[in-house]
Amino acid sequence: MIDLHAHILTDTDDGASSFEESVALLYEARKAGFTGIVCTPHYMQGFYEKDSNYIKEKIKELEMDAKRVGIHLYQGNEIYGTNEICKFLNEEKISRINNSRYLLIEFSINNEPTKNSSEIIEEIIKNGYIPIIAHPERYPYVQKDIKFIKNLMKKGALLQANFASIDGYYGTAAKKTVIKLLKSRMIQFLGSDVHNKRTIYINIHQYIKKISKYLSENEIDELAYKNPIKVIHDDVITINKNQI
């Protein structure tokens, strides 16, 4: 599997608290079945603002241990939705996933959606990039009505759900919403969104077993490996918008 969403780097955001924890997460990930991890530290103005060159150096620090474990590291960001995303890309403040067209975008986790969400997605696509919306099942406004996320998908956005949502890790509403999204075949990726050791990776097989109630083995493989590999290689991922 390839983990498309992980906070394993130190001194970048609210993820791993030490280099030792980063290494411990590598071992946990490999034991869980991951051979690749996209490092996606938060980028949010006023909170987390480490630029792409800084992230690149932090990945280099961890690469030797990653190779020893048998994991390939890729660069990315979890970017908070803003009208300035394309500007930030030009200024090399944020990273595309492995220098592909794909961007991992996070919207407001509060009760109200990020302002101008549709315009943000449209601007990203107009500039030749492909937005992947992180953990939509966690957004209260999606939990109330999935039409919000359907509209963004119709514009060209893709969706990444968190493995642990299926187990109620983020609450009952997120669990119910991810089941609804999985059953509707609206999810293109599964990611860990791991921040600390002994949390997500150690329970991955348990999560997959629960997800298998709603998806076939081939479908889980597509979300956890085949589609992430397409992102890494900058290949096209197609969805049937008529089914949204």
Protein backbone atom coordinates (compact mmCIF):
# COMPACT_ATOMS: atom_id res chain seq x y z
CA MET A 1 0.00 0.00 0.00
CA ILE A 2 0.93 3.64 -0.46
CA ASP A 3 -0.07 6.07 2.29
CA LEU A 4 -1.18 9.26 0.56
CA HIS A 5 -1.67 11.27 3.76
CA ALA A 6 0.73 11.16 6.72
CA HIS A 7 2.26 13.53 9.27
CA ILE A 8 5.46 11.66 10.10
CA LEU A 9 7.99 14.50 9.81
CA THR A 10 9.24 16.37 12.86
CA ASP A 11 9.28 20.18 13.25
CA THR A 12 6.80 20.75 10.45
CA ASP A 13 3.33 20.61 12.04
CA ASP A 14 1.40 18.79 14.78
CA GLY A 15 2.69 15.38 13.73
CA ALA A 16 5.65 13.33 14.98
CA SER A 17 7.19 14.99 18.04
CA SER A 18 10.73 13.64 17.59
CA PHE A 19 13.00 11.94 15.08
CA GLU A 20 12.70 8.75 17.14
CA GLU A 21 8.92 8.88 16.75
CA SER A 22 9.29 9.38 13.00
CA VAL A 23 11.42 6.23 12.79
CA ALA A 24 8.96 4.31 14.97
CA LEU A 25 6.17 5.33 12.58
CA LEU A 26 8.19 3.96 9.65
CA TYR A 27 8.40 0.56 11.32
CA GLU A 28 4.70 0.61 12.16
CA ALA A 29 3.83 1.55 8.58
CA ARG A 30 5.92 -1.24 7.09
CA LYS A 31 4.42 -3.79 9.46
CA ALA A 32 0.96 -2.55 8.41
CA GLY A 33 1.83 -3.24 4.76
CA PHE A 34 2.90 0.16 3.44
CA THR A 35 5.85 0.42 1.04
CA GLY A 36 5.46 4.12 0.34
CA ILE A 37 4.44 7.19 2.35
CA VAL A 38 3.60 10.65 1.05
CA CYS A 39 4.75 13.11 3.71
CA THR A 40 1.97 15.70 3.91
CA PRO A 41 2.66 18.23 6.68
CA HIS A 42 -0.01 20.87 7.12
CA TYR A 43 0.40 24.19 5.36
CA MET A 44 -1.86 26.78 6.93
CA GLN A 45 -1.07 30.49 7.01
CA GLY A 46 -0.42 31.72 10.52
CA PHE A 47 0.01 28.21 11.93
CA TYR A 48 2.15 25.90 9.78
CA GLU A 49 4.28 27.59 7.13
CA LYS A 50 7.34 25.44 6.46
CA ASP A 51 8.13 25.82 2.75
CA SER A 52 8.81 23.08 0.21
CA ASN A 53 12.60 23.29 0.54
CA TYR A 54 12.37 22.81 4.30
CA ILE A 55 10.09 19.79 3.83
CA LYS A 56 12.53 18.35 1.29
CA GLU A 57 15.36 18.55 3.84
CA LYS A 58 13.27 16.92 6.55
CA ILE A 59 12.53 14.02 4.19
CA LYS A 60 16.24 13.66 3.42
CA GLU A 61 16.96 13.34 7.15
CA LEU A 62 14.56 10.39 7.35
CA GLU A 63 15.38 8.68 4.05
CA MET A 64 18.17 6.42 5.29
CA ASP A 65 15.96 4.92 7.97
CA ALA A 66 13.07 4.67 5.52
CA LYS A 67 15.20 2.70 3.05
CA ARG A 68 16.37 0.41 5.84
CA VAL A 69 12.74 -0.33 6.72
CA GLY A 70 11.70 -0.72 3.07
CA ILE A 71 9.63 2.41 2.59
CA HIS A 72 9.90 5.05 -0.10
CA LEU A 73 9.15 8.62 0.99
CA TYR A 74 7.44 11.17 -1.26
CA GLN A 75 6.95 14.89 -0.74
CA GLY A 76 3.62 16.64 -0.44
CA ASN A 77 1.52 18.87 1.80
CA GLU A 78 -1.92 18.95 3.33
CA ILE A 79 -2.85 22.43 2.18
CA TYR A 80 -5.58 24.43 3.84
CA GLY A 81 -8.03 25.68 1.22
CA THR A 82 -7.43 29.28 0.21
CA ASN A 83 -7.61 31.40 -2.93
CA GLU A 84 -3.82 31.80 -2.72
CA ILE A 85 -2.91 28.14 -3.37
CA CYS A 86 -1.68 28.73 -6.92
CA LYS A 87 0.34 31.73 -5.71
CA PHE A 88 1.88 29.59 -2.97
CA LEU A 89 2.82 26.96 -5.56
CA ASN A 90 4.60 29.56 -7.70
CA GLU A 91 6.47 30.78 -4.63
CA GLU A 92 7.44 27.18 -3.71
CA LYS A 93 5.78 27.51 -0.33
CA ILE A 94 3.73 24.34 -0.84
CA SER A 95 4.30 21.02 -2.57
CA ARG A 96 2.44 19.03 -5.16
CA ILE A 97 2.42 15.31 -4.39
CA ASN A 98 5.74 14.00 -5.76
CA ASN A 99 5.81 17.01 -8.17
CA SER A 100 2.69 15.69 -9.90
CA ARG A 101 -0.43 17.65 -10.76
CA TYR A 102 -2.12 16.38 -7.61
CA LEU A 103 -2.63 18.50 -4.47
CA LEU A 104 -3.99 17.34 -1.11
CA ILE A 105 -6.43 20.00 0.07
CA GLU A 106 -8.01 20.36 3.51
CA PHE A 107 -11.13 22.42 4.16
CA SER A 108 -12.54 23.82 7.40
CA ILE A 109 -13.12 21.23 10.10
CA ASN A 110 -15.66 23.55 11.76
CA ASN A 111 -19.43 23.67 11.29
CA GLU A 112 -19.26 26.06 8.34
CA PRO A 113 -17.41 25.25 5.09
CA THR A 114 -14.39 27.23 3.94
CA LYS A 115 -15.52 30.36 2.14
CA ASN A 116 -15.44 30.15 -1.67
CA SER A 117 -14.74 26.40 -1.62
CA SER A 118 -16.10 25.97 -5.15
CA GLU A 119 -14.03 28.87 -6.47
CA ILE A 120 -10.88 27.45 -4.82
CA ILE A 121 -11.39 24.08 -6.54
CA GLU A 122 -12.18 25.76 -9.87
CA GLU A 123 -9.02 27.90 -9.66
CA ILE A 124 -6.83 24.89 -8.87
CA ILE A 125 -8.23 22.95 -11.84
CA LYS A 126 -8.06 25.96 -14.18
CA ASN A 127 -4.32 26.16 -13.45
CA GLY A 128 -3.78 22.54 -14.44
CA TYR A 129 -3.74 20.90 -11.01
CA ILE A 130 -5.95 18.15 -9.57
CA PRO A 131 -7.32 18.63 -6.05
CA ILE A 132 -7.70 15.71 -3.67
CA ILE A 133 -9.91 16.66 -0.74
CA ALA A 134 -8.65 15.21 2.54
CA HIS A 135 -11.03 13.32 4.86
CA PRO A 136 -14.38 14.84 3.75
CA GLU A 137 -16.16 12.52 6.20
CA ARG A 138 -14.75 14.61 9.07
CA TYR A 139 -16.36 17.88 7.97
CA PRO A 140 -19.59 18.59 9.92
CA TYR A 141 -21.25 20.20 6.88
CA VAL A 142 -20.57 17.07 4.81
CA GLN A 143 -21.89 14.92 7.63
CA LYS A 144 -25.12 16.93 7.44
CA ASP A 145 -25.37 16.87 3.65
CA ILE A 146 -22.98 15.19 1.20
CA LYS A 147 -24.22 17.45 -1.61
CA PHE A 148 -21.40 19.86 -0.68
CA ILE A 149 -18.77 17.28 -1.57
CA LYS A 150 -20.72 16.00 -4.57
CA ASN A 151 -20.66 19.48 -6.08
CA LEU A 152 -16.88 19.70 -5.67
CA MET A 153 -16.46 16.27 -7.26
CA LYS A 154 -18.53 17.36 -10.25
CA LYS A 155 -16.04 20.20 -10.71
CA GLY A 156 -13.17 17.68 -10.78
CA ALA A 157 -12.10 17.12 -7.17
CA LEU A 158 -11.17 13.65 -5.88
CA LEU A 159 -11.70 12.36 -2.33
CA GLN A 160 -9.39 10.78 0.24
CA ALA A 161 -10.95 9.12 3.29
CA ASN A 162 -9.11 8.18 6.48
CA PHE A 163 -8.78 4.47 7.29
CA ALA A 164 -9.67 5.05 10.95
CA SER A 165 -12.96 6.81 10.22
CA ILE A 166 -14.57 3.40 9.67
CA ASP A 167 -13.84 2.55 13.32
CA GLY A 168 -15.31 5.71 14.85
CA TYR A 169 -11.87 7.21 15.56
CA TYR A 170 -13.20 10.67 14.64
CA GLY A 171 -16.67 10.14 16.06
CA THR A 172 -19.93 8.48 15.09
CA ALA A 173 -20.92 11.10 12.50
CA ALA A 174 -17.64 10.66 10.61
CA LYS A 175 -18.09 6.88 10.71
CA LYS A 176 -21.62 7.08 9.30
CA THR A 177 -20.48 9.53 6.62
CA VAL A 178 -17.49 7.49 5.46
CA ILE A 179 -19.73 4.41 5.18
CA LYS A 180 -22.13 6.43 3.04
CA LEU A 181 -19.28 7.67 0.83
CA LEU A 182 -17.76 4.21 0.48
CA LYS A 183 -21.09 2.58 -0.36
CA SER A 184 -21.70 5.29 -2.96
CA ARG A 185 -18.22 4.61 -4.47
CA MET A 186 -17.33 8.29 -4.06
CA ILE A 187 -13.89 7.72 -2.44
CA GLN A 188 -10.76 7.43 -4.61
CA PHE A 189 -8.11 7.10 -1.89
CA LEU A 190 -7.60 5.77 1.62
CA GLY A 191 -4.96 7.40 3.81
CA SER A 192 -3.78 7.09 7.40
CA ASP A 193 -3.60 10.79 8.39
CA VAL A 194 -1.27 9.44 11.09
CA HIS A 195 0.25 11.97 13.50
CA ASN A 196 1.71 9.84 16.29
CA LYS A 197 3.00 6.34 16.95
CA ARG A 198 0.76 3.59 18.32
CA THR A 199 -2.40 5.17 16.92
CA ILE A 200 -3.36 4.46 13.29
CA TYR A 201 -0.77 2.18 11.68
CA ILE A 202 -1.01 -0.48 14.37
CA ASN A 203 -4.74 -0.86 13.65
CA ILE A 204 -4.71 -0.73 9.83
CA HIS A 205 -5.66 -4.39 9.37
CA GLN A 206 -8.61 -3.95 11.71
CA TYR A 207 -9.78 -0.94 9.69
CA ILE A 208 -9.41 -2.77 6.38
CA LYS A 209 -11.46 -5.68 7.73
CA LYS A 210 -14.29 -3.26 8.56
CA ILE A 211 -13.99 -1.47 5.22
CA SER A 212 -14.26 -4.85 3.48
CA LYS A 213 -17.90 -4.99 4.55
CA TYR A 214 -18.57 -2.29 1.98
CA LEU A 215 -15.84 -2.72 -0.66
CA SER A 216 -14.35 -5.72 -2.41
CA GLU A 217 -10.69 -6.66 -2.02
CA ASN A 218 -9.99 -5.26 -5.50
CA GLU A 219 -11.73 -1.98 -4.65
CA ILE A 220 -9.72 -1.58 -1.45
CA ASP A 221 -6.53 -2.28 -3.41
CA GLU A 222 -7.52 0.45 -5.86
CA LEU A 223 -8.01 3.01 -3.07
CA ALA A 224 -4.98 2.02 -1.00
CA TYR A 225 -2.46 1.24 -3.76
CA LYS A 226 -3.44 1.56 -7.42
CA ASN A 227 -4.82 5.10 -7.29
CA PRO A 228 -2.03 6.40 -5.02
CA ILE A 229 0.53 4.93 -7.42
CA LYS A 230 -1.21 6.77 -10.27
CA VAL A 231 -0.82 10.00 -8.31
CA ILE A 232 2.88 9.31 -7.67
CA HIS A 233 3.40 8.74 -11.40
CA ASP A 234 1.16 11.67 -12.37
CA ASP A 235 -1.24 9.39 -14.23
CA VAL A 236 -4.90 10.17 -14.83
CA ILE A 237 -7.58 8.96 -12.44
CA THR A 238 -11.02 8.94 -13.99
CA ILE A 239 -14.34 8.93 -12.19
CA ASN A 240 -17.83 8.55 -13.58
CA LYS A 241 -19.44 11.90 -12.74
CA ASN A 242 -22.82 10.55 -13.76
CA GLN A 243 -22.75 8.34 -10.66
CA ILE A 244 -22.09 11.24 -8.29
